[in-house]
PDB file of N, CA and C in Angstrom:
ATOM      1  N   MET A   1      92.822   2.663  -3.718  1.00  0.00           N
ATOM      2  CA  MET A   1      93.564   1.493  -4.137  1.00  0.00           C
ATOM      3  C   MET A   1      93.207   0.349  -3.190  1.00  0.00           C
ATOM      4  N   ASN A   2      92.991  -0.813  -3.750  1.00  0.00           N
ATOM      5  CA  ASN A   2      92.640  -1.940  -2.891  1.00  0.00           C
ATOM      6  C   ASN A   2      93.746  -2.998  -2.894  1.00  0.00           C
ATOM      7  N   LYS A   3      93.607  -3.949  -1.979  1.00  0.00           N
ATOM      8  CA  LYS A   3      94.692  -4.919  -1.794  1.00  0.00           C
ATOM      9  C   LYS A   3      94.854  -5.863  -2.978  1.00  0.00           C
ATOM     10  N   GLU A   4      93.801  -6.056  -3.773  1.00  0.00           N
ATOM     11  CA  GLU A   4      93.936  -6.913  -4.950  1.00  0.00           C
ATOM     12  C   GLU A   4      94.864  -6.277  -5.992  1.00  0.00           C
ATOM     13  N   ILE A   5      94.772  -4.968  -6.145  1.00  0.00           N
ATOM     14  CA  ILE A   5      95.646  -4.265  -7.088  1.00  0.00           C
ATOM     15  C   ILE A   5      97.085  -4.316  -6.600  1.00  0.00           C
ATOM     16  N   ILE A   6      97.287  -4.024  -5.323  1.00  0.00           N
ATOM     17  CA  ILE A   6      98.639  -4.005  -4.763  1.00  0.00           C
ATOM     18  C   ILE A   6      99.287  -5.388  -4.844  1.00  0.00           C
ATOM     19  N   ALA A   7      98.498  -6.426  -4.702  1.00  0.00           N
ATOM     20  CA  ALA A   7      99.036  -7.789  -4.743  1.00  0.00           C
ATOM     21  C   ALA A   7      99.692  -8.109  -6.082  1.00  0.00           C
ATOM     22  N   HIS A   8      99.302  -7.377  -7.119  1.00  0.00           N
ATOM     23  CA  HIS A   8      99.852  -7.643  -8.454  1.00  0.00           C
ATOM     24  C   HIS A   8     101.029  -6.731  -8.808  1.00  0.00           C
ATOM     25  N   PHE A   9     101.409  -5.830  -7.911  1.00  0.00           N
ATOM     26  CA  PHE A   9     102.549  -4.958  -8.159  1.00  0.00           C
ATOM     27  C   PHE A   9     103.839  -5.779  -8.161  1.00  0.00           C
ATOM     28  N   THR A  10     104.770  -5.357  -8.989  1.00  0.00           N
ATOM     29  CA  THR A  10     106.115  -5.936  -8.900  1.00  0.00           C
ATOM     30  C   THR A  10     106.743  -5.427  -7.606  1.00  0.00           C
ATOM     31  N   ASP A  11     107.830  -6.040  -7.193  1.00  0.00           N
ATOM     32  CA  ASP A  11     108.521  -5.597  -5.982  1.00  0.00           C
ATOM     33  C   ASP A  11     108.928  -4.132  -6.093  1.00  0.00           C
ATOM     34  N   ASP A  12     109.519  -3.769  -7.243  1.00  0.00           N
ATOM     35  CA  ASP A  12     109.960  -2.389  -7.442  1.00  0.00           C
ATOM     36  C   ASP A  12     108.789  -1.415  -7.424  1.00  0.00           C
ATOM     37  N   LYS A  13     107.696  -1.788  -8.072  1.00  0.00           N
ATOM     38  CA  LYS A  13     106.502  -0.934  -8.107  1.00  0.00           C
ATOM     39  C   LYS A  13     105.926  -0.769  -6.701  1.00  0.00           C
ATOM     40  N   LEU A  14     105.889  -1.825  -5.922  1.00  0.00           N
ATOM     41  CA  LEU A  14     105.356  -1.773  -4.567  1.00  0.00           C
ATOM     42  C   LEU A  14     106.173  -0.817  -3.687  1.00  0.00           C
ATOM     43  N   LEU A  15     107.495  -0.937  -3.760  1.00  0.00           N
ATOM     44  CA  LEU A  15     108.349  -0.057  -2.962  1.00  0.00           C
ATOM     45  C   LEU A  15     108.251   1.399  -3.425  1.00  0.00           C
ATOM     46  N   ALA A  16     108.197   1.618  -4.731  1.00  0.00           N
ATOM     47  CA  ALA A  16     108.080   2.977  -5.262  1.00  0.00           C
ATOM     48  C   ALA A  16     106.737   3.590  -4.880  1.00  0.00           C
ATOM     49  N   SER A  17     105.702   2.800  -4.933  1.00  0.00           N
ATOM     50  CA  SER A  17     104.369   3.277  -4.567  1.00  0.00           C
ATOM     51  C   SER A  17     104.320   3.681  -3.099  1.00  0.00           C
ATOM     52  N   LEU A  18     104.897   2.864  -2.235  1.00  0.00           N
ATOM     53  CA  LEU A  18     104.924   3.193  -0.806  1.00  0.00           C
ATOM     54  C   LEU A  18     105.687   4.488  -0.567  1.00  0.00           C
ATOM     55  N   GLU A  19     106.803   4.641  -1.244  1.00  0.00           N
ATOM     56  CA  GLU A  19     107.596   5.864  -1.097  1.00  0.00           C
ATOM     57  C   GLU A  19     106.782   7.093  -1.525  1.00  0.00           C
ATOM     58  N   GLU A  20     106.032   6.973  -2.610  1.00  0.00           N
ATOM     59  CA  GLU A  20     105.193   8.081  -3.080  1.00  0.00           C
ATOM     60  C   GLU A  20     104.103   8.416  -2.063  1.00  0.00           C
ATOM     61  N   TYR A  21     103.499   7.405  -1.484  1.00  0.00           N
ATOM     62  CA  TYR A  21     102.444   7.650  -0.487  1.00  0.00           C
ATOM     63  C   TYR A  21     103.003   8.279   0.783  1.00  0.00           C
ATOM     64  N   PHE A  22     104.196   7.890   1.193  1.00  0.00           N
ATOM     65  CA  PHE A  22     104.814   8.527   2.356  1.00  0.00           C
ATOM     66  C   PHE A  22     105.100  10.000   2.071  1.00  0.00           C
ATOM     67  N   ALA A  23     105.586  10.307   0.885  1.00  0.00           N
ATOM     68  CA  ALA A  23     105.853  11.703   0.517  1.00  0.00           C
ATOM     69  C   ALA A  23     104.562  12.512   0.530  1.00  0.00           C
ATOM     70  N   PHE A  24     103.493  11.941  -0.022  1.00  0.00           N
ATOM     71  CA  PHE A  24     102.190  12.614  -0.032  1.00  0.00           C
ATOM     72  C   PHE A  24     101.695  12.827   1.397  1.00  0.00           C
ATOM     73  N   GLU A  25     101.855  11.825   2.242  1.00  0.00           N
ATOM     74  CA  GLU A  25     101.396  11.923   3.631  1.00  0.00           C
ATOM     75  C   GLU A  25     102.141  13.030   4.372  1.00  0.00           C
ATOM     76  N   ARG A  26     103.434  13.151   4.144  1.00  0.00           N
ATOM     77  CA  ARG A  26     104.213  14.207   4.809  1.00  0.00           C
ATOM     78  C   ARG A  26     103.721  15.590   4.395  1.00  0.00           C
ATOM     79  N   LYS A  27     103.453  15.770   3.103  1.00  0.00           N
ATOM     80  CA  LYS A  27     102.948  17.062   2.620  1.00  0.00           C
ATOM     81  C   LYS A  27     101.575  17.354   3.209  1.00  0.00           C
ATOM     82  N   THR A  28     100.714  16.363   3.221  1.00  0.00           N
ATOM     83  CA  THR A  28      99.373  16.537   3.763  1.00  0.00           C
ATOM     84  C   THR A  28      99.419  16.857   5.250  1.00  0.00           C
ATOM     85  N   THR A  29     100.248  16.158   5.993  1.00  0.00           N
ATOM     86  CA  THR A  29     100.384  16.411   7.424  1.00  0.00           C
ATOM     87  C   THR A  29     100.861  17.826   7.681  1.00  0.00           C
ATOM     88  N   ARG A  30     101.791  18.310   6.894  1.00  0.00           N
ATOM     89  CA  ARG A  30     102.287  19.672   7.056  1.00  0.00           C
ATOM     90  C   ARG A  30     101.160  20.682   6.861  1.00  0.00           C
ATOM     91  N   VAL A  31     100.361  20.490   5.832  1.00  0.00           N
ATOM     92  CA  VAL A  31      99.249  21.406   5.560  1.00  0.00           C
ATOM     93  C   VAL A  31      98.234  21.366   6.698  1.00  0.00           C
ATOM     94  N   ILE A  32      97.932  20.181   7.193  1.00  0.00           N
ATOM     95  CA  ILE A  32      96.993  20.048   8.311  1.00  0.00           C
ATOM     96  C   ILE A  32      97.526  20.784   9.533  1.00  0.00           C
ATOM     97  N   LEU A  33      98.801  20.616   9.839  1.00  0.00           N
ATOM     98  CA  LEU A  33      99.384  21.293  10.998  1.00  0.00           C
ATOM     99  C   LEU A  33      99.365  22.812  10.841  1.00  0.00           C
ATOM    100  N   LEU A  34      99.602  23.301   9.641  1.00  0.00           N
ATOM    101  CA  LEU A  34      99.514  24.742   9.409  1.00  0.00           C
ATOM    102  C   LEU A  34      98.091  25.250   9.650  1.00  0.00           C
ATOM    103  N   HIS A  35      97.105  24.492   9.190  1.00  0.00           N
ATOM    104  CA  HIS A  35      95.703  24.858   9.435  1.00  0.00           C
ATOM    105  C   HIS A  35      95.407  24.882  10.937  1.00  0.00           C
ATOM    106  N   LEU A  36      95.831  23.842  11.634  1.00  0.00           N
ATOM    107  CA  LEU A  36      95.558  23.760  13.073  1.00  0.00           C
ATOM    108  C   LEU A  36      96.208  24.904  13.836  1.00  0.00           C
ATOM    109  N   HIS A  37      97.414  25.245  13.457  1.00  0.00           N
ATOM    110  CA  HIS A  37      98.092  26.367  14.102  1.00  0.00           C
ATOM    111  C   HIS A  37      97.294  27.663  13.923  1.00  0.00           C
ATOM    112  N   GLU A  38      96.842  27.905  12.714  1.00  0.00           N
ATOM    113  CA  GLU A  38      96.091  29.134  12.444  1.00  0.00           C
ATOM    114  C   GLU A  38      94.737  29.133  13.150  1.00  0.00           C
ATOM    115  N   ILE A  39      94.073  27.987  13.191  1.00  0.00           N
ATOM    116  CA  ILE A  39      92.797  27.874  13.915  1.00  0.00           C
ATOM    117  C   ILE A  39      93.004  28.147  15.396  1.00  0.00           C
ATOM    118  N   GLN A  40      94.073  27.599  15.953  1.00  0.00           N
ATOM    119  CA  GLN A  40      94.390  27.832  17.369  1.00  0.00           C
ATOM    120  C   GLN A  40      94.684  29.306  17.615  1.00  0.00           C
ATOM    121  N   LYS A  41      95.491  29.894  16.742  1.00  0.00           N
ATOM    122  CA  LYS A  41      95.870  31.293  16.887  1.00  0.00           C
ATOM    123  C   LYS A  41      94.640  32.207  16.864  1.00  0.00           C
ATOM    124  N   ARG A  42      93.693  31.888  15.991  1.00  0.00           N
ATOM    125  CA  ARG A  42      92.478  32.711  15.859  1.00  0.00           C
ATOM    126  C   ARG A  42      91.379  32.306  16.834  1.00  0.00           C
ATOM    127  N   LYS A  43      91.587  31.200  17.527  1.00  0.00           N
ATOM    128  CA  LYS A  43      90.585  30.642  18.450  1.00  0.00           C
ATOM    129  C   LYS A  43      89.250  30.389  17.742  1.00  0.00           C
ATOM    130  N   LEU A  44      89.336  29.885  16.526  1.00  0.00           N
ATOM    131  CA  LEU A  44      88.137  29.626  15.729  1.00  0.00           C
ATOM    132  C   LEU A  44      87.274  28.525  16.322  1.00  0.00           C
ATOM    133  N   TYR A  45      87.874  27.605  17.067  1.00  0.00           N
ATOM    134  CA  TYR A  45      87.087  26.558  17.713  1.00  0.00           C
ATOM    135  C   TYR A  45      86.075  27.188  18.661  1.00  0.00           C
ATOM    136  N   SER A  46      86.479  28.229  19.382  1.00  0.00           N
ATOM    137  CA  SER A  46      85.585  28.909  20.322  1.00  0.00           C
ATOM    138  C   SER A  46      84.489  29.665  19.581  1.00  0.00           C
ATOM    139  N   ASP A  47      84.878  30.364  18.519  1.00  0.00           N
ATOM    140  CA  ASP A  47      83.900  31.095  17.713  1.00  0.00           C
ATOM    141  C   ASP A  47      82.875  30.162  17.080  1.00  0.00           C
ATOM    142  N   SER A  48      83.265  28.912  16.867  1.00  0.00           N
ATOM    143  CA  SER A  48      82.368  27.924  16.262  1.00  0.00           C
ATOM    144  C   SER A  48      81.549  27.153  17.294  1.00  0.00           C
ATOM    145  N   GLY A  49      81.704  27.503  18.576  1.00  0.00           N
ATOM    146  CA  GLY A  49      80.896  26.883  19.623  1.00  0.00           C
ATOM    147  C   GLY A  49      81.512  25.674  20.299  1.00  0.00           C
ATOM    148  N   TYR A  50      82.762  25.391  20.011  1.00  0.00           N
ATOM    149  CA  TYR A  50      83.432  24.264  20.660  1.00  0.00           C
ATOM    150  C   TYR A  50      84.124  24.749  21.929  1.00  0.00           C
ATOM    151  N   PRO A  51      84.140  23.929  22.971  1.00  0.00           N
ATOM    152  CA  PRO A  51      84.768  24.357  24.219  1.00  0.00           C
ATOM    153  C   PRO A  51      86.295  24.456  24.113  1.00  0.00           C
ATOM    154  N   ASN A  52      86.862  23.685  23.201  1.00  0.00           N
ATOM    155  CA  ASN A  52      88.317  23.684  23.020  1.00  0.00           C
ATOM    156  C   ASN A  52      88.659  23.078  21.666  1.00  0.00           C
ATOM    157  N   MET A  53      89.916  23.144  21.321  1.00  0.00           N
ATOM    158  CA  MET A  53      90.386  22.619  20.041  1.00  0.00           C
ATOM    159  C   MET A  53      90.134  21.119  19.937  1.00  0.00           C
ATOM    160  N   PHE A  54      90.351  20.399  21.022  1.00  0.00           N
ATOM    161  CA  PHE A  54      90.139  18.955  21.024  1.00  0.00           C
ATOM    162  C   PHE A  54      88.699  18.615  20.651  1.00  0.00           C
ATOM    163  N   GLY A  55      87.741  19.319  21.250  1.00  0.00           N
ATOM    164  CA  GLY A  55      86.328  19.064  20.938  1.00  0.00           C
ATOM    165  C   GLY A  55      86.020  19.284  19.475  1.00  0.00           C
ATOM    166  N   MET A  56      86.582  20.316  18.901  1.00  0.00           N
ATOM    167  CA  MET A  56      86.371  20.586  17.481  1.00  0.00           C
ATOM    168  C   MET A  56      86.964  19.469  16.621  1.00  0.00           C
ATOM    169  N   LEU A  57      88.174  19.048  16.963  1.00  0.00           N
ATOM    170  CA  LEU A  57      88.843  18.020  16.170  1.00  0.00           C
ATOM    171  C   LEU A  57      88.130  16.671  16.254  1.00  0.00           C
ATOM    172  N   VAL A  58      87.608  16.334  17.420  1.00  0.00           N
ATOM    173  CA  VAL A  58      86.858  15.085  17.558  1.00  0.00           C
ATOM    174  C   VAL A  58      85.632  15.127  16.652  1.00  0.00           C
ATOM    175  N   THR A  59      84.933  16.244  16.666  1.00  0.00           N
ATOM    176  CA  THR A  59      83.748  16.391  15.812  1.00  0.00           C
ATOM    177  C   THR A  59      84.135  16.316  14.342  1.00  0.00           C
ATOM    178  N   PHE A  60      85.179  17.016  13.955  1.00  0.00           N
ATOM    179  CA  PHE A  60      85.620  16.983  12.545  1.00  0.00           C
ATOM    180  C   PHE A  60      86.035  15.579  12.133  1.00  0.00           C
ATOM    181  N   SER A  61      86.728  14.856  13.006  1.00  0.00           N
ATOM    182  CA  SER A  61      87.183  13.518  12.641  1.00  0.00           C
ATOM    183  C   SER A  61      86.012  12.564  12.452  1.00  0.00           C
ATOM    184  N   ARG A  62      84.941  12.758  13.180  1.00  0.00           N
ATOM    185  CA  ARG A  62      83.762  11.885  13.038  1.00  0.00           C
ATOM    186  C   ARG A  62      83.001  12.175  11.754  1.00  0.00           C
ATOM    187  N   LYS A  63      83.112  13.381  11.228  1.00  0.00           N
ATOM    188  CA  LYS A  63      82.436  13.737   9.980  1.00  0.00           C
ATOM    189  C   LYS A  63      83.040  13.005   8.795  1.00  0.00           C
ATOM    190  N   THR A  64      84.281  12.582   8.905  1.00  0.00           N
ATOM    191  CA  THR A  64      84.964  11.944   7.786  1.00  0.00           C
ATOM    192  C   THR A  64      84.868  10.434   7.805  1.00  0.00           C
ATOM    193  N   GLU A  65      84.217   9.872   8.806  1.00  0.00           N
ATOM    194  CA  GLU A  65      84.123   8.400   8.894  1.00  0.00           C
ATOM    195  C   GLU A  65      83.084   7.880   7.930  1.00  0.00           C
TER     196      GLU A  65
END
């Protein structure tokens, strides 16, 4: 979604849309945290050649840019 589309939303639509995105973000964050917990528990970062969880996450975050 780009800012030109959002600029044409009614006030009610804009607020409802933001609420929907916050709900989606909360669900997504929960899933990410569950993944991270399991990766930490299994020490998969080490098995994948990373020195620590932070190193793995930095590498993963750069892949999505």
